[in-house]
Protein backbone atom coordinates (compact mmCIF):
# COMPACT_ATOMS: atom_id res chain seq x y z
CA UNK A 1 -4.57 4.58 13.16
CA UNK A 2 -5.27 2.50 10.80
CA UNK A 3 -7.82 1.81 7.71
CA UNK A 4 -9.37 -1.26 6.28
CA UNK A 5 -8.95 -1.94 2.93
CA UNK A 6 -12.70 -2.52 1.73
CA UNK A 7 -11.80 -4.63 -0.47
CA UNK A 8 -9.41 -7.26 1.22
CA UNK A 9 -9.74 -6.12 4.99
CA UNK A 10 -6.28 -5.75 5.24
CA UNK A 11 -5.51 -3.01 7.86
CA UNK A 12 -3.42 -0.13 6.37
CA UNK A 13 -0.95 1.82 8.58
CA UNK A 14 -1.85 5.41 8.92
CA UNK A 15 -1.22 8.80 9.96
CA UNK A 16 -3.31 11.24 11.71
CA UNK A 17 -4.24 14.87 8.85
CA UNK A 18 -2.50 17.89 10.66
CA UNK A 19 -5.98 19.49 9.57
CA UNK A 20 -8.84 17.54 9.62
CA UNK A 21 -6.88 14.86 12.28
CA UNK A 22 -8.63 11.82 10.29
CA UNK A 23 -7.03 8.42 9.19
CA UNK A 24 -4.79 9.54 5.72
CA UNK A 25 -2.55 6.23 4.95
CA UNK A 26 1.21 6.18 5.38
CA UNK A 27 2.52 6.63 2.08
CA UNK A 28 -0.80 9.31 0.71
CA UNK A 29 0.21 12.51 -0.86
CA UNK A 30 -3.24 13.90 0.31
CA UNK A 31 -5.44 13.50 3.01
CA UNK A 32 -8.51 11.37 1.87
CA UNK A 33 -10.68 13.41 3.86
CA UNK A 34 -10.27 17.03 3.39
CA UNK A 35 -7.48 17.21 0.87
CA UNK A 36 -4.73 18.49 2.79
CA UNK A 37 -1.34 18.33 1.48
CA UNK A 38 0.55 15.54 3.35
CA UNK A 39 4.68 15.17 3.79
CA UNK A 40 4.75 11.26 2.55
CA UNK A 41 6.58 9.37 5.12
CA UNK A 42 8.65 5.71 4.08
CA UNK A 43 6.54 2.74 4.32
CA UNK A 44 9.16 -0.27 6.07
CA UNK A 45 8.03 -3.59 3.51
CA UNK A 46 7.12 -6.63 6.50
CA UNK A 47 9.40 -9.29 5.89
CA UNK A 48 7.24 -11.17 4.47
CA UNK A 49 5.53 -8.75 3.29
CA UNK A 50 3.94 -9.38 -1.07
CA UNK A 51 5.64 -8.44 -3.64
CA UNK A 52 3.20 -7.58 -6.85
CA UNK A 53 4.26 -8.32 -10.51
CA UNK A 54 5.95 -5.38 -12.24
CA UNK A 55 3.24 -6.12 -15.04
CA UNK A 56 0.44 -3.55 -14.56
CA UNK A 57 -1.95 -5.85 -16.31
CA UNK A 58 -1.17 -8.90 -14.05
CA UNK A 59 -2.80 -10.15 -10.55
CA UNK A 60 -0.13 -12.00 -9.68
CA UNK A 61 2.52 -11.34 -6.77
CA UNK A 62 6.69 -12.48 -7.27
CA UNK A 63 7.00 -16.32 -5.14
CA UNK A 64 10.11 -17.10 -3.87
CA UNK A 65 11.90 -18.13 -6.80
CA UNK A 66 11.72 -14.68 -7.98
CA UNK A 67 9.09 -14.88 -10.80
CA UNK A 68 4.97 -14.38 -10.90
CA UNK A 69 2.36 -16.61 -9.62
CA UNK A 70 -0.07 -15.59 -12.78
CA UNK A 71 2.22 -14.28 -15.31
CA UNK A 72 5.46 -16.18 -14.75
CA UNK A 73 7.46 -12.70 -15.05
CA UNK A 74 10.72 -12.26 -13.54
CA UNK A 75 11.16 -9.57 -10.87
């Protein structure tokens, strides 16, 4: 069961909400459809998953060299 990101089209891994039976992201604390409180389950990172820059105002990702591709900040 998965949702699709409206911005980039990526698939979002989901679990079924116990209350409304609709998909809810695995890391969600509440169901986006009915507001039911969920028990969040840890999401395993994919081996080649992107790591976002820790600077919340930056849109870069961390490259293989450990530096942000936009601002140059170290991870």
